[in-house]
PDB file of N, CA and C in Angstrom:
ATOM      1  N   UNK A   1    -109.550 -46.113  -1.036  1.00  0.00           N
ATOM      2  CA  UNK A   1    -108.651 -46.662  -2.059  1.00  0.00           C
ATOM      3  C   UNK A   1    -107.320 -46.697  -1.280  1.00  0.00           C
ATOM      4  N   UNK A   2    -106.922 -45.405  -0.494  1.00  0.00           N
ATOM      5  CA  UNK A   2    -105.612 -45.337   0.196  1.00  0.00           C
ATOM      6  C   UNK A   2    -105.368 -46.185   1.149  1.00  0.00           C
ATOM      7  N   UNK A   3    -106.865 -46.570   1.974  1.00  0.00           N
ATOM      8  CA  UNK A   3    -106.616 -47.192   2.943  1.00  0.00           C
ATOM      9  C   UNK A   3    -106.039 -48.864   2.616  1.00  0.00           C
ATOM     10  N   UNK A   4    -106.703 -49.251   1.589  1.00  0.00           N
ATOM     11  CA  UNK A   4    -106.355 -50.897   0.990  1.00  0.00           C
ATOM     12  C   UNK A   4    -105.109 -50.674   0.798  1.00  0.00           C
ATOM     13  N   UNK A   5    -104.304 -49.805   0.112  1.00  0.00           N
ATOM     14  CA  UNK A   5    -102.608 -49.692   0.032  1.00  0.00           C
ATOM     15  C   UNK A   5    -102.097 -49.960   1.541  1.00  0.00           C
ATOM     16  N   UNK A   6    -102.349 -49.329   2.311  1.00  0.00           N
ATOM     17  CA  UNK A   6    -101.980 -49.178   3.753  1.00  0.00           C
ATOM     18  C   UNK A   6    -102.118 -50.860   4.130  1.00  0.00           C
ATOM     19  N   UNK A   7    -103.446 -51.074   3.983  1.00  0.00           N
ATOM     20  CA  UNK A   7    -103.774 -52.399   4.565  1.00  0.00           C
ATOM     21  C   UNK A   7    -102.537 -53.754   4.100  1.00  0.00           C
ATOM     22  N   UNK A   8    -102.641 -53.479   2.788  1.00  0.00           N
ATOM     23  CA  UNK A   8    -101.862 -54.628   2.197  1.00  0.00           C
ATOM     24  C   UNK A   8    -100.334 -54.615   2.663  1.00  0.00           C
ATOM     25  N   UNK A   9    -100.002 -53.363   3.044  1.00  0.00           N
ATOM     26  CA  UNK A   9     -98.757 -52.748   3.341  1.00  0.00           C
ATOM     27  C   UNK A   9     -98.628 -53.839   4.821  1.00  0.00           C
ATOM     28  N   UNK A  10     -99.353 -53.501   5.676  1.00  0.00           N
ATOM     29  CA  UNK A  10     -99.827 -53.734   6.862  1.00  0.00           C
ATOM     30  C   UNK A  10     -99.374 -55.611   7.213  1.00  0.00           C
ATOM     31  N   UNK A  11    -100.758 -55.860   6.348  1.00  0.00           N
ATOM     32  CA  UNK A  11    -100.789 -57.460   6.074  1.00  0.00           C
ATOM     33  C   UNK A  11     -99.280 -58.088   5.941  1.00  0.00           C
ATOM     34  N   UNK A  12     -98.780 -57.700   4.964  1.00  0.00           N
ATOM     35  CA  UNK A  12     -97.547 -58.207   4.610  1.00  0.00           C
ATOM     36  C   UNK A  12     -96.447 -58.145   5.386  1.00  0.00           C
ATOM     37  N   UNK A  13     -96.087 -57.022   6.173  1.00  0.00           N
ATOM     38  CA  UNK A  13     -95.294 -56.942   7.210  1.00  0.00           C
ATOM     39  C   UNK A  13     -95.440 -57.762   8.307  1.00  0.00           C
ATOM     40  N   UNK A  14     -96.688 -57.803   8.818  1.00  0.00           N
ATOM     41  CA  UNK A  14     -97.055 -58.707   9.758  1.00  0.00           C
ATOM     42  C   UNK A  14     -97.049 -59.893   9.515  1.00  0.00           C
ATOM     43  N   UNK A  15     -97.220 -60.298   8.427  1.00  0.00           N
ATOM     44  CA  UNK A  15     -96.727 -62.228   8.036  1.00  0.00           C
ATOM     45  C   UNK A  15     -95.331 -62.115   7.961  1.00  0.00           C
ATOM     46  N   UNK A  16     -94.700 -61.266   7.548  1.00  0.00           N
ATOM     47  CA  UNK A  16     -93.353 -61.496   7.211  1.00  0.00           C
ATOM     48  C   UNK A  16     -92.884 -61.436   8.564  1.00  0.00           C
ATOM     49  N   UNK A  17     -93.193 -61.006   9.678  1.00  0.00           N
ATOM     50  CA  UNK A  17     -92.573 -60.710  11.089  1.00  0.00           C
ATOM     51  C   UNK A  17     -93.228 -61.739  12.081  1.00  0.00           C
ATOM     52  N   UNK A  18     -93.930 -62.813  11.253  1.00  0.00           N
ATOM     53  CA  UNK A  18     -94.820 -64.000  11.771  1.00  0.00           C
ATOM     54  C   UNK A  18     -95.450 -63.815  12.918  1.00  0.00           C
ATOM     55  N   UNK A  19     -96.521 -62.652  12.506  1.00  0.00           N
ATOM     56  CA  UNK A  19     -97.677 -62.657  13.463  1.00  0.00           C
ATOM     57  C   UNK A  19     -98.991 -63.384  12.741  1.00  0.00           C
ATOM     58  N   UNK A  20     -99.616 -63.846  13.399  1.00  0.00           N
ATOM     59  CA  UNK A  20    -101.170 -64.237  13.176  1.00  0.00           C
ATOM     60  C   UNK A  20    -101.886 -62.937  13.425  1.00  0.00           C
ATOM     61  N   UNK A  21    -103.276 -62.886  12.774  1.00  0.00           N
ATOM     62  CA  UNK A  21    -103.877 -61.420  13.144  1.00  0.00           C
ATOM     63  C   UNK A  21    -104.321 -61.286  14.165  1.00  0.00           C
ATOM     64  N   UNK A  22    -104.231 -62.408  14.897  1.00  0.00           N
ATOM     65  CA  UNK A  22    -105.324 -62.401  16.384  1.00  0.00           C
ATOM     66  C   UNK A  22    -103.714 -61.922  17.227  1.00  0.00           C
ATOM     67  N   UNK A  23    -102.660 -62.484  16.794  1.00  0.00           N
ATOM     68  CA  UNK A  23    -101.582 -62.024  18.102  1.00  0.00           C
ATOM     69  C   UNK A  23    -101.167 -60.785  17.515  1.00  0.00           C
ATOM     70  N   UNK A  24    -101.074 -60.256  16.713  1.00  0.00           N
ATOM     71  CA  UNK A  24    -100.994 -58.956  16.506  1.00  0.00           C
ATOM     72  C   UNK A  24    -101.831 -57.946  16.672  1.00  0.00           C
ATOM     73  N   UNK A  25    -103.130 -58.147  16.581  1.00  0.00           N
ATOM     74  CA  UNK A  25    -104.271 -57.482  17.203  1.00  0.00           C
ATOM     75  C   UNK A  25    -103.982 -57.240  18.798  1.00  0.00           C
ATOM     76  N   UNK A  26    -103.464 -58.376  19.381  1.00  0.00           N
ATOM     77  CA  UNK A  26    -103.251 -58.177  20.691  1.00  0.00           C
ATOM     78  C   UNK A  26    -102.366 -57.046  21.008  1.00  0.00           C
ATOM     79  N   UNK A  27    -101.411 -57.307  20.514  1.00  0.00           N
ATOM     80  CA  UNK A  27     -99.918 -56.692  20.453  1.00  0.00           C
ATOM     81  C   UNK A  27    -100.109 -55.184  20.659  1.00  0.00           C
ATOM     82  N   UNK A  28    -100.971 -54.960  19.420  1.00  0.00           N
ATOM     83  CA  UNK A  28    -101.359 -53.462  19.209  1.00  0.00           C
ATOM     84  C   UNK A  28    -102.298 -52.490  20.090  1.00  0.00           C
ATOM     85  N   UNK A  29    -103.216 -53.617  20.991  1.00  0.00           N
ATOM     86  CA  UNK A  29    -104.110 -53.531  21.472  1.00  0.00           C
ATOM     87  C   UNK A  29    -105.654 -52.585  20.767  1.00  0.00           C
ATOM     88  N   UNK A  30    -105.784 -53.652  19.590  1.00  0.00           N
ATOM     89  CA  UNK A  30    -107.011 -53.295  18.845  1.00  0.00           C
ATOM     90  C   UNK A  30    -107.904 -54.647  18.588  1.00  0.00           C
ATOM     91  N   UNK A  31    -108.865 -54.725  18.292  1.00  0.00           N
ATOM     92  CA  UNK A  31    -109.932 -55.935  18.128  1.00  0.00           C
ATOM     93  C   UNK A  31    -109.260 -56.569  16.807  1.00  0.00           C
ATOM     94  N   UNK A  32    -109.361 -57.797  16.756  1.00  0.00           N
ATOM     95  CA  UNK A  32    -109.203 -58.664  15.498  1.00  0.00           C
ATOM     96  C   UNK A  32    -109.860 -57.969  14.541  1.00  0.00           C
ATOM     97  N   UNK A  33    -111.190 -57.488  14.512  1.00  0.00           N
ATOM     98  CA  UNK A  33    -112.360 -57.119  13.692  1.00  0.00           C
ATOM     99  C   UNK A  33    -111.575 -55.955  13.067  1.00  0.00           C
ATOM    100  N   UNK A  34    -111.124 -54.920  13.957  1.00  0.00           N
ATOM    101  CA  UNK A  34    -110.276 -53.529  13.652  1.00  0.00           C
ATOM    102  C   UNK A  34    -109.500 -53.865  12.469  1.00  0.00           C
ATOM    103  N   UNK A  35    -108.428 -54.718  13.179  1.00  0.00           N
ATOM    104  CA  UNK A  35    -107.288 -54.741  12.315  1.00  0.00           C
ATOM    105  C   UNK A  35    -107.612 -55.706  10.803  1.00  0.00           C
ATOM    106  N   UNK A  36    -108.421 -56.591  10.658  1.00  0.00           N
ATOM    107  CA  UNK A  36    -109.064 -57.290   9.605  1.00  0.00           C
ATOM    108  C   UNK A  36    -109.541 -56.107   8.624  1.00  0.00           C
ATOM    109  N   UNK A  37    -110.322 -55.237   9.311  1.00  0.00           N
ATOM    110  CA  UNK A  37    -110.953 -53.861   8.408  1.00  0.00           C
ATOM    111  C   UNK A  37    -109.975 -53.077   7.796  1.00  0.00           C
ATOM    112  N   UNK A  38    -109.100 -52.805   8.674  1.00  0.00           N
ATOM    113  CA  UNK A  38    -107.675 -51.858   8.196  1.00  0.00           C
ATOM    114  C   UNK A  38    -106.915 -52.641   6.870  1.00  0.00           C
ATOM    115  N   UNK A  39    -106.820 -53.751   7.265  1.00  0.00           N
ATOM    116  CA  UNK A  39    -105.899 -54.857   6.376  1.00  0.00           C
ATOM    117  C   UNK A  39    -106.398 -55.272   4.920  1.00  0.00           C
ATOM    118  N   UNK A  40    -107.955 -55.022   5.071  1.00  0.00           N
ATOM    119  CA  UNK A  40    -108.682 -55.356   3.797  1.00  0.00           C
ATOM    120  C   UNK A  40    -109.061 -53.922   3.225  1.00  0.00           C
ATOM    121  N   UNK A  41    -108.795 -52.797   3.752  1.00  0.00           N
ATOM    122  CA  UNK A  41    -109.041 -51.699   3.184  1.00  0.00           C
ATOM    123  C   UNK A  41    -110.150 -51.182   3.093  1.00  0.00           C
ATOM    124  N   UNK A  42    -111.277 -51.735   4.319  1.00  0.00           N
ATOM    125  CA  UNK A  42    -112.593 -50.793   4.640  1.00  0.00           C
ATOM    126  C   UNK A  42    -112.323 -50.021   5.728  1.00  0.00           C
ATOM    127  N   UNK A  43    -111.376 -49.547   6.207  1.00  0.00           N
ATOM    128  CA  UNK A  43    -111.185 -48.689   7.311  1.00  0.00           C
ATOM    129  C   UNK A  43    -109.845 -47.981   6.844  1.00  0.00           C
ATOM    130  N   UNK A  44    -109.530 -46.721   7.152  1.00  0.00           N
ATOM    131  CA  UNK A  44    -108.449 -45.909   6.968  1.00  0.00           C
ATOM    132  C   UNK A  44    -107.890 -46.472   8.183  1.00  0.00           C
ATOM    133  N   UNK A  45    -106.231 -46.363   8.364  1.00  0.00           N
ATOM    134  CA  UNK A  45    -105.653 -46.318   9.554  1.00  0.00           C
ATOM    135  C   UNK A  45    -105.380 -45.041   9.804  1.00  0.00           C
ATOM    136  N   UNK A  46    -105.412 -45.031  11.627  1.00  0.00           N
ATOM    137  CA  UNK A  46    -105.210 -43.625  12.126  1.00  0.00           C
ATOM    138  C   UNK A  46    -103.651 -43.399  12.138  1.00  0.00           C
ATOM    139  N   UNK A  47    -103.331 -41.944  12.420  1.00  0.00           N
ATOM    140  CA  UNK A  47    -101.541 -41.883  12.717  1.00  0.00           C
ATOM    141  C   UNK A  47    -101.167 -42.768  13.860  1.00  0.00           C
ATOM    142  N   UNK A  48    -101.767 -42.671  14.895  1.00  0.00           N
ATOM    143  CA  UNK A  48    -101.663 -43.581  15.989  1.00  0.00           C
ATOM    144  C   UNK A  48    -101.810 -44.819  15.503  1.00  0.00           C
ATOM    145  N   UNK A  49    -102.686 -45.622  14.618  1.00  0.00           N
ATOM    146  CA  UNK A  49    -102.506 -46.865  14.888  1.00  0.00           C
ATOM    147  C   UNK A  49    -101.216 -47.104  13.818  1.00  0.00           C
ATOM    148  N   UNK A  50    -101.075 -46.319  12.667  1.00  0.00           N
ATOM    149  CA  UNK A  50     -99.744 -46.783  11.917  1.00  0.00           C
ATOM    150  C   UNK A  50     -98.414 -46.569  12.970  1.00  0.00           C
ATOM    151  N   UNK A  51     -98.552 -45.691  13.898  1.00  0.00           N
ATOM    152  CA  UNK A  51     -97.100 -45.336  14.781  1.00  0.00           C
ATOM    153  C   UNK A  51     -97.096 -46.883  15.533  1.00  0.00           C
ATOM    154  N   UNK A  52     -98.102 -47.362  16.071  1.00  0.00           N
ATOM    155  CA  UNK A  52     -98.194 -48.250  17.088  1.00  0.00           C
ATOM    156  C   UNK A  52     -97.537 -49.867  16.304  1.00  0.00           C
ATOM    157  N   UNK A  53     -98.284 -49.726  14.902  1.00  0.00           N
ATOM    158  CA  UNK A  53     -97.759 -50.949  14.268  1.00  0.00           C
ATOM    159  C   UNK A  53     -96.588 -51.030  13.710  1.00  0.00           C
ATOM    160  N   UNK A  54     -95.978 -49.662  13.395  1.00  0.00           N
ATOM    161  CA  UNK A  54     -94.364 -49.623  12.834  1.00  0.00           C
ATOM    162  C   UNK A  54     -93.882 -49.701  14.298  1.00  0.00           C
ATOM    163  N   UNK A  55     -94.151 -49.806  15.583  1.00  0.00           N
ATOM    164  CA  UNK A  55     -93.146 -49.722  16.529  1.00  0.00           C
ATOM    165  C   UNK A  55     -92.922 -51.170  16.911  1.00  0.00           C
ATOM    166  N   UNK A  56     -94.343 -51.739  17.081  1.00  0.00           N
ATOM    167  CA  UNK A  56     -94.569 -53.373  16.991  1.00  0.00           C
ATOM    168  C   UNK A  56     -93.609 -54.235  16.089  1.00  0.00           C
ATOM    169  N   UNK A  57     -93.551 -53.687  14.679  1.00  0.00           N
ATOM    170  CA  UNK A  57     -93.114 -54.287  13.797  1.00  0.00           C
ATOM    171  C   UNK A  57     -91.748 -54.358  13.579  1.00  0.00           C
ATOM    172  N   UNK A  58     -91.047 -52.944  14.467  1.00  0.00           N
ATOM    173  CA  UNK A  58     -89.516 -52.785  14.250  1.00  0.00           C
ATOM    174  C   UNK A  58     -89.355 -52.118  12.867  1.00  0.00           C
ATOM    175  N   UNK A  59     -90.212 -51.263  12.072  1.00  0.00           N
ATOM    176  CA  UNK A  59     -89.822 -50.574  10.934  1.00  0.00           C
ATOM    177  C   UNK A  59     -90.564 -49.267  10.956  1.00  0.00           C
ATOM    178  N   UNK A  60     -90.174 -48.430   9.897  1.00  0.00           N
ATOM    179  CA  UNK A  60     -90.536 -47.198   9.951  1.00  0.00           C
ATOM    180  C   UNK A  60     -91.788 -46.739   9.163  1.00  0.00           C
ATOM    181  N   UNK A  61     -92.615 -45.780   9.894  1.00  0.00           N
ATOM    182  CA  UNK A  61     -93.698 -45.633   8.684  1.00  0.00           C
ATOM    183  C   UNK A  61     -93.568 -45.512   7.439  1.00  0.00           C
ATOM    184  N   UNK A  62     -92.051 -44.918   7.083  1.00  0.00           N
ATOM    185  CA  UNK A  62     -91.711 -44.657   5.614  1.00  0.00           C
ATOM    186  C   UNK A  62     -91.601 -46.298   4.978  1.00  0.00           C
ATOM    187  N   UNK A  63     -91.077 -47.236   5.706  1.00  0.00           N
ATOM    188  CA  UNK A  63     -91.154 -48.433   5.231  1.00  0.00           C
ATOM    189  C   UNK A  63     -92.506 -48.848   5.156  1.00  0.00           C
ATOM    190  N   UNK A  64     -93.577 -48.689   5.865  1.00  0.00           N
ATOM    191  CA  UNK A  64     -94.943 -49.337   5.704  1.00  0.00           C
ATOM    192  C   UNK A  64     -95.677 -48.579   4.829  1.00  0.00           C
ATOM    193  N   UNK A  65     -95.231 -47.088   4.410  1.00  0.00           N
ATOM    194  CA  UNK A  65     -95.825 -46.302   3.587  1.00  0.00           C
ATOM    195  C   UNK A  65     -96.004 -47.242   2.201  1.00  0.00           C
ATOM    196  N   UNK A  66     -97.107 -47.097   1.549  1.00  0.00           N
ATOM    197  CA  UNK A  66     -97.016 -47.578   0.092  1.00  0.00           C
ATOM    198  C   UNK A  66     -96.530 -46.794  -0.922  1.00  0.00           C
ATOM    199  N   UNK A  67     -95.617 -47.460  -1.855  1.00  0.00           N
ATOM    200  CA  UNK A  67     -94.682 -46.803  -2.471  1.00  0.00           C
ATOM    201  C   UNK A  67     -95.269 -45.560  -3.510  1.00  0.00           C
ATOM    202  N   UNK A  68     -96.270 -45.660  -4.192  1.00  0.00           N
ATOM    203  CA  UNK A  68     -97.018 -44.810  -4.588  1.00  0.00           C
ATOM    204  C   UNK A  68     -97.349 -43.799  -3.796  1.00  0.00           C
ATOM    205  N   UNK A  69     -97.193 -43.580  -2.334  1.00  0.00           N
ATOM    206  CA  UNK A  69     -97.741 -42.673  -1.859  1.00  0.00           C
ATOM    207  C   UNK A  69     -96.215 -41.853  -1.354  1.00  0.00           C
ATOM    208  N   UNK A  70     -95.330 -42.397  -1.350  1.00  0.00           N
ATOM    209  CA  UNK A  70     -94.028 -41.693  -1.080  1.00  0.00           C
ATOM    210  C   UNK A  70     -93.545 -40.223  -1.850  1.00  0.00           C
TER     211      UNK A  70
END
């Protein structure tokens, strides 16, 4: 369940910043399938993954963090 919340937030920020799933996966150096798994909540993002996502999207980890987990 935790991964699903993170995935929804990552997807929302990615779309807000105008990235396609393919383009964003390339930017953060992962496969499209891995990004898709995270966004669907089928895989929990690692700390390194979250740091890379936050850096590319120019947001803080706190902004990415699901509200109920803060």
